[in-house]
Amino acid sequence: MLKRLIQSLEASPVMKRGEYNYFINPVTDGVPLVEPAILREIGCAMVRVLDLEKIDKIVVCEAMGIPIGIALSLMTDIPLVIVRKRPYGLPGEVAVHQATGYSKGELYLNGVGAGDRVVIIDDVCSTGGTLRALISAIEQTKAEIVDICIVIGRGDEDLGRPLKTLVQIEVSEDHVRVVDTCL
């Protein structure tokens, strides 16, 4: 399982962003193109590893969490909440300040409330900045985070709670190597 994802990752080009070795992949960047078969493979893997019993909502961050979240939502009929990069000013909106290894900015959470049981899905975790901020925002709403799953782990950041990772990678100056999988 995850054969297509692994092949895609190992074929990813790597570029420097300052001192950061940034890999470019359809799952994390949407380029050169996102293959439906990879999304389906990721969705099937997430169904196998996540605790989806009595889940009310899947929560993803814009932008690359969206295709993964849609795939999982279509497979499970669980509604999708997209944390956006702009405010809408809706009642209960929570600002999420995120800082990653190569960027920082604000995200905005809407549609999650007290008592909701949610799973968080993300494309990649390198520094844990986005996930830590999102966890904090969801906790502010008094929702229950039942499970967290990322497609690609890069590093071993401690988020203070369990995290499921489909594939773990190492990135050098010129290539990506898959070092572990959850399946």
C-alpha atoms as a PDB file:
ATOM      1  CA  MET A   1       0.000   0.000   0.000  1.00  0.00           C
ATOM      2  CA  LEU A   2       1.036   3.624  -0.623  1.00  0.00           C
ATOM      3  CA  LYS A   3       3.139   2.529  -3.599  1.00  0.00           C
ATOM      4  CA  ARG A   4       2.092   5.496  -5.772  1.00  0.00           C
ATOM      5  CA  LEU A   5       2.683   7.988  -2.968  1.00  0.00           C
ATOM      6  CA  ILE A   6       6.145   6.584  -2.249  1.00  0.00           C
ATOM      7  CA  GLN A   7       7.109   6.653  -5.949  1.00  0.00           C
ATOM      8  CA  SER A   8       5.876  10.237  -6.214  1.00  0.00           C
ATOM      9  CA  LEU A   9       7.847  11.336  -3.163  1.00  0.00           C
ATOM     10  CA  GLU A  10      11.057   9.650  -4.239  1.00  0.00           C
ATOM     11  CA  ALA A  11      10.782  11.407  -7.630  1.00  0.00           C
ATOM     12  CA  SER A  12      10.275  14.852  -6.010  1.00  0.00           C
ATOM     13  CA  PRO A  13      12.718  17.625  -6.911  1.00  0.00           C
ATOM     14  CA  VAL A  14      14.351  19.482  -4.009  1.00  0.00           C
ATOM     15  CA  MET A  15      15.152  23.207  -3.907  1.00  0.00           C
ATOM     16  CA  LYS A  16      16.679  25.494  -1.301  1.00  0.00           C
ATOM     17  CA  ARG A  17      14.538  28.077   0.510  1.00  0.00           C
ATOM     18  CA  GLY A  18      17.180  29.794   2.586  1.00  0.00           C
ATOM     19  CA  GLU A  19      18.724  26.954   4.575  1.00  0.00           C
ATOM     20  CA  TYR A  20      15.616  24.779   4.190  1.00  0.00           C
ATOM     21  CA  ASN A  21      15.590  21.863   1.720  1.00  0.00           C
ATOM     22  CA  TYR A  22      12.089  22.168   0.252  1.00  0.00           C
ATOM     23  CA  PHE A  23      10.708  19.228  -1.724  1.00  0.00           C
ATOM     24  CA  ILE A  24       8.115  19.791  -4.459  1.00  0.00           C
ATOM     25  CA  ASN A  25       5.381  17.178  -4.733  1.00  0.00           C
ATOM     26  CA  PRO A  26       1.789  17.058  -6.016  1.00  0.00           C
ATOM     27  CA  VAL A  27       0.464  16.107  -2.556  1.00  0.00           C
ATOM     28  CA  THR A  28       2.151  19.058  -0.824  1.00  0.00           C
ATOM     29  CA  ASP A  29       2.204  21.645  -3.615  1.00  0.00           C
ATOM     30  CA  GLY A  30      -0.348  20.636  -6.247  1.00  0.00           C
ATOM     31  CA  VAL A  31       2.303  20.608  -8.979  1.00  0.00           C
ATOM     32  CA  PRO A  32       2.998  19.386 -11.511  1.00  0.00           C
ATOM     33  CA  LEU A  33      -0.448  17.707 -11.222  1.00  0.00           C
ATOM     34  CA  VAL A  34      -2.416  15.811  -8.612  1.00  0.00           C
ATOM     35  CA  GLU A  35      -3.232  12.261  -9.683  1.00  0.00           C
ATOM     36  CA  PRO A  36      -6.624  10.924  -8.514  1.00  0.00           C
ATOM     37  CA  ALA A  37      -5.051   7.511  -7.885  1.00  0.00           C
ATOM     38  CA  ILE A  38      -2.677   8.993  -5.290  1.00  0.00           C
ATOM     39  CA  LEU A  39      -5.529  10.804  -3.528  1.00  0.00           C
ATOM     40  CA  ARG A  40      -7.568   7.605  -3.515  1.00  0.00           C
ATOM     41  CA  GLU A  41      -4.582   5.671  -2.132  1.00  0.00           C
ATOM     42  CA  ILE A  42      -4.129   8.289   0.628  1.00  0.00           C
ATOM     43  CA  GLY A  43      -7.864   8.270   1.435  1.00  0.00           C
ATOM     44  CA  CYS A  44      -7.925   4.469   1.699  1.00  0.00           C
ATOM     45  CA  ALA A  45      -4.883   4.506   3.986  1.00  0.00           C
ATOM     46  CA  MET A  46      -6.474   7.153   6.220  1.00  0.00           C
ATOM     47  CA  VAL A  47      -9.694   5.138   6.494  1.00  0.00           C
ATOM     48  CA  ARG A  48      -7.575   2.213   7.708  1.00  0.00           C
ATOM     49  CA  VAL A  49      -5.555   4.121  10.340  1.00  0.00           C
ATOM     50  CA  LEU A  50      -7.981   6.760  11.674  1.00  0.00           C
ATOM     51  CA  ASP A  51     -10.580   6.390  14.401  1.00  0.00           C
ATOM     52  CA  LEU A  52     -13.587   7.630  12.400  1.00  0.00           C
ATOM     53  CA  GLU A  53     -16.350   6.278  14.652  1.00  0.00           C
ATOM     54  CA  LYS A  54     -18.813   9.022  15.628  1.00  0.00           C
ATOM     55  CA  ILE A  55     -16.753  11.762  13.952  1.00  0.00           C
ATOM     56  CA  ASP A  56     -18.706  14.917  13.149  1.00  0.00           C
ATOM     57  CA  LYS A  57     -16.162  16.763  10.982  1.00  0.00           C
ATOM     58  CA  ILE A  58     -12.892  16.438   9.113  1.00  0.00           C
ATOM     59  CA  VAL A  59     -10.732  19.561   9.572  1.00  0.00           C
ATOM     60  CA  VAL A  60      -8.094  20.526   6.982  1.00  0.00           C
ATOM     61  CA  CYS A  61      -6.011  23.617   6.244  1.00  0.00           C
ATOM     62  CA  GLU A  62      -6.012  25.497   2.982  1.00  0.00           C
ATOM     63  CA  ALA A  63      -4.511  24.796   0.488  1.00  0.00           C
ATOM     64  CA  MET A  64      -3.139  21.272   0.145  1.00  0.00           C
ATOM     65  CA  GLY A  65      -5.234  19.775   2.904  1.00  0.00           C
ATOM     66  CA  ILE A  66      -8.267  20.415   0.691  1.00  0.00           C
ATOM     67  CA  PRO A  67      -7.831  17.654  -1.930  1.00  0.00           C
ATOM     68  CA  ILE A  68      -6.891  15.130   0.760  1.00  0.00           C
ATOM     69  CA  GLY A  69      -9.843  16.144   2.921  1.00  0.00           C
ATOM     70  CA  ILE A  70     -12.226  15.964  -0.015  1.00  0.00           C
ATOM     71  CA  ALA A  71     -11.056  12.455  -0.854  1.00  0.00           C
ATOM     72  CA  LEU A  72     -11.577  11.329   2.753  1.00  0.00           C
ATOM     73  CA  SER A  73     -14.920  13.123   3.043  1.00  0.00           C
ATOM     74  CA  LEU A  74     -16.231  11.488  -0.148  1.00  0.00           C
ATOM     75  CA  MET A  75     -15.153   8.059   1.097  1.00  0.00           C
ATOM     76  CA  THR A  76     -16.707   8.446   4.571  1.00  0.00           C
ATOM     77  CA  ASP A  77     -19.584  10.934   4.126  1.00  0.00           C
ATOM     78  CA  ILE A  78     -18.118  12.991   6.990  1.00  0.00           C
ATOM     79  CA  PRO A  79     -18.480  16.764   6.403  1.00  0.00           C
ATOM     80  CA  LEU A  80     -15.353  18.812   5.712  1.00  0.00           C
ATOM     81  CA  VAL A  81     -14.226  22.023   7.445  1.00  0.00           C
ATOM     82  CA  ILE A  82     -11.582  24.025   5.578  1.00  0.00           C
ATOM     83  CA  VAL A  83      -9.427  26.361   7.658  1.00  0.00           C
ATOM     84  CA  ARG A  84      -8.986  29.347   5.343  1.00  0.00           C
ATOM     85  CA  LYS A  85      -6.270  31.946   4.766  1.00  0.00           C
ATOM     86  CA  ARG A  86      -8.687  34.875   5.028  1.00  0.00           C
ATOM     87  CA  PRO A  87     -11.194  35.944   7.653  1.00  0.00           C
ATOM     88  CA  TYR A  88     -14.936  35.768   7.081  1.00  0.00           C
ATOM     89  CA  GLY A  89     -15.992  37.418  10.335  1.00  0.00           C
ATOM     90  CA  LEU A  90     -18.550  34.729  11.133  1.00  0.00           C
ATOM     91  CA  PRO A  91     -19.654  34.233  14.745  1.00  0.00           C
ATOM     92  CA  GLY A  92     -17.239  31.892  16.511  1.00  0.00           C
ATOM     93  CA  GLU A  93     -14.407  32.378  13.982  1.00  0.00           C
ATOM     94  CA  VAL A  94     -11.014  31.600  15.530  1.00  0.00           C
ATOM     95  CA  ALA A  95      -7.772  33.113  14.192  1.00  0.00           C
ATOM     96  CA  VAL A  96      -4.938  30.615  13.898  1.00  0.00           C
ATOM     97  CA  HIS A  97      -1.401  32.072  13.792  1.00  0.00           C
ATOM     98  CA  GLN A  98       0.841  29.555  12.064  1.00  0.00           C
ATOM     99  CA  ALA A  99       4.593  29.524  11.551  1.00  0.00           C
ATOM    100  CA  THR A 100       6.341  26.838   9.518  1.00  0.00           C
ATOM    101  CA  GLY A 101       9.960  26.254   8.551  1.00  0.00           C
ATOM    102  CA  TYR A 102       9.565  28.570   5.561  1.00  0.00           C
ATOM    103  CA  SER A 103       6.522  30.830   6.121  1.00  0.00           C
ATOM    104  CA  LYS A 104       4.129  32.352   8.627  1.00  0.00           C
ATOM    105  CA  GLY A 105       0.661  33.799   8.486  1.00  0.00           C
ATOM    106  CA  GLU A 106      -2.901  33.714   9.730  1.00  0.00           C
ATOM    107  CA  LEU A 107      -5.529  31.053   9.152  1.00  0.00           C
ATOM    108  CA  TYR A 108      -9.188  31.230  10.181  1.00  0.00           C
ATOM    109  CA  LEU A 109     -11.294  28.410  11.613  1.00  0.00           C
ATOM    110  CA  ASN A 110     -15.069  28.430  11.142  1.00  0.00           C
ATOM    111  CA  GLY A 111     -17.664  25.695  11.462  1.00  0.00           C
ATOM    112  CA  VAL A 112     -16.296  23.872  14.518  1.00  0.00           C
ATOM    113  CA  GLY A 113     -18.059  24.235  17.853  1.00  0.00           C
ATOM    114  CA  ALA A 114     -18.300  22.902  21.364  1.00  0.00           C
ATOM    115  CA  GLY A 115     -18.945  19.181  21.490  1.00  0.00           C
ATOM    116  CA  ASP A 116     -17.943  18.484  17.877  1.00  0.00           C
ATOM    117  CA  ARG A 117     -15.804  15.367  17.446  1.00  0.00           C
ATOM    118  CA  VAL A 118     -13.181  16.078  14.779  1.00  0.00           C
ATOM    119  CA  VAL A 119     -10.227  14.548  13.007  1.00  0.00           C
ATOM    120  CA  ILE A 120      -7.440  16.773  11.717  1.00  0.00           C
ATOM    121  CA  ILE A 121      -5.886  15.926   8.357  1.00  0.00           C
ATOM    122  CA  ASP A 122      -2.844  17.630   6.856  1.00  0.00           C
ATOM    123  CA  ASP A 123      -0.545  17.033   3.923  1.00  0.00           C
ATOM    124  CA  VAL A 124       2.832  17.394   5.640  1.00  0.00           C
ATOM    125  CA  CYS A 125       4.324  18.065   9.057  1.00  0.00           C
ATOM    126  CA  SER A 126       7.868  19.426   9.115  1.00  0.00           C
ATOM    127  CA  THR A 127       8.122  21.798  12.068  1.00  0.00           C
ATOM    128  CA  GLY A 128       4.642  21.193  13.494  1.00  0.00           C
ATOM    129  CA  GLY A 129       3.853  24.927  13.432  1.00  0.00           C
ATOM    130  CA  THR A 130       0.600  24.683  11.506  1.00  0.00           C
ATOM    131  CA  LEU A 131      -0.692  21.665  13.423  1.00  0.00           C
ATOM    132  CA  ARG A 132       0.164  23.140  16.839  1.00  0.00           C
ATOM    133  CA  ALA A 133      -1.717  26.339  15.945  1.00  0.00           C
ATOM    134  CA  LEU A 134      -4.691  24.394  14.580  1.00  0.00           C
ATOM    135  CA  ILE A 135      -4.871  22.147  17.656  1.00  0.00           C
ATOM    136  CA  SER A 136      -4.896  25.232  19.876  1.00  0.00           C
ATOM    137  CA  ALA A 137      -7.669  26.860  17.811  1.00  0.00           C
ATOM    138  CA  ILE A 138      -9.847  23.737  17.915  1.00  0.00           C
ATOM    139  CA  GLU A 139      -9.302  23.445  21.669  1.00  0.00           C
ATOM    140  CA  GLN A 140     -10.551  27.048  22.005  1.00  0.00           C
ATOM    141  CA  THR A 141     -13.847  25.984  20.414  1.00  0.00           C
ATOM    142  CA  LYS A 142     -14.258  23.203  23.019  1.00  0.00           C
ATOM    143  CA  ALA A 143     -14.440  20.581  20.259  1.00  0.00           C
ATOM    144  CA  GLU A 144     -12.863  17.170  20.834  1.00  0.00           C
ATOM    145  CA  ILE A 145      -9.903  16.204  18.655  1.00  0.00           C
ATOM    146  CA  VAL A 146     -10.327  12.454  18.266  1.00  0.00           C
ATOM    147  CA  ASP A 147      -7.488  11.771  15.857  1.00  0.00           C
ATOM    148  CA  ILE A 148      -4.808  13.482  13.747  1.00  0.00           C
ATOM    149  CA  CYS A 149      -3.290  12.132  10.543  1.00  0.00           C
ATOM    150  CA  ILE A 150      -0.745  13.588   8.176  1.00  0.00           C
ATOM    151  CA  VAL A 151       0.264  12.155   4.865  1.00  0.00           C
ATOM    152  CA  ILE A 152       3.976  13.012   5.037  1.00  0.00           C
ATOM    153  CA  GLY A 153       6.099  13.367   8.149  1.00  0.00           C
ATOM    154  CA  ARG A 154       9.397  15.151   7.940  1.00  0.00           C
ATOM    155  CA  GLY A 155      11.136  15.226  11.284  1.00  0.00           C
ATOM    156  CA  ASP A 156       9.819  14.105  14.641  1.00  0.00           C
ATOM    157  CA  GLU A 157       8.036  17.119  16.091  1.00  0.00           C
ATOM    158  CA  ASP A 158       6.211  16.510  19.356  1.00  0.00           C
ATOM    159  CA  LEU A 159       2.708  17.989  19.184  1.00  0.00           C
ATOM    160  CA  GLY A 160       1.825  16.933  22.707  1.00  0.00           C
ATOM    161  CA  ARG A 161      -0.688  14.369  21.433  1.00  0.00           C
ATOM    162  CA  PRO A 162      -0.669  11.257  19.233  1.00  0.00           C
ATOM    163  CA  LEU A 163      -0.179  11.773  15.516  1.00  0.00           C
ATOM    164  CA  LYS A 164      -0.549   9.211  12.723  1.00  0.00           C
ATOM    165  CA  THR A 165       1.812   9.569   9.780  1.00  0.00           C
ATOM    166  CA  LEU A 166       1.301   7.659   6.527  1.00  0.00           C
ATOM    167  CA  VAL A 167       4.919   8.024   5.359  1.00  0.00           C
ATOM    168  CA  GLN A 168       8.007   9.407   7.068  1.00  0.00           C
ATOM    169  CA  ILE A 169      10.648  11.021   4.844  1.00  0.00           C
ATOM    170  CA  GLU A 170      14.136  12.473   4.953  1.00  0.00           C
ATOM    171  CA  VAL A 171      15.047  15.308   2.576  1.00  0.00           C
ATOM    172  CA  SER A 172      18.643  15.970   1.555  1.00  0.00           C
ATOM    173  CA  GLU A 173      19.924  18.671  -0.772  1.00  0.00           C
ATOM    174  CA  ASP A 174      19.106  16.578  -3.834  1.00  0.00           C
ATOM    175  CA  HIS A 175      16.504  13.910  -3.026  1.00  0.00           C
ATOM    176  CA  VAL A 176      13.667  12.625  -0.887  1.00  0.00           C
ATOM    177  CA  ARG A 177      13.890   9.240   0.794  1.00  0.00           C
ATOM    178  CA  VAL A 178      10.946   7.417   2.365  1.00  0.00           C
ATOM    179  CA  VAL A 179      12.186   5.911   5.624  1.00  0.00           C
ATOM    180  CA  ASP A 180       8.986   4.470   7.111  1.00  0.00           C
ATOM    181  CA  THR A 181       5.273   3.882   6.469  1.00  0.00           C
ATOM    182  CA  CYS A 182       2.379   3.260   8.838  1.00  0.00           C
ATOM    183  CA  LEU A 183       0.984   0.364   6.799  1.00  0.00           C
END
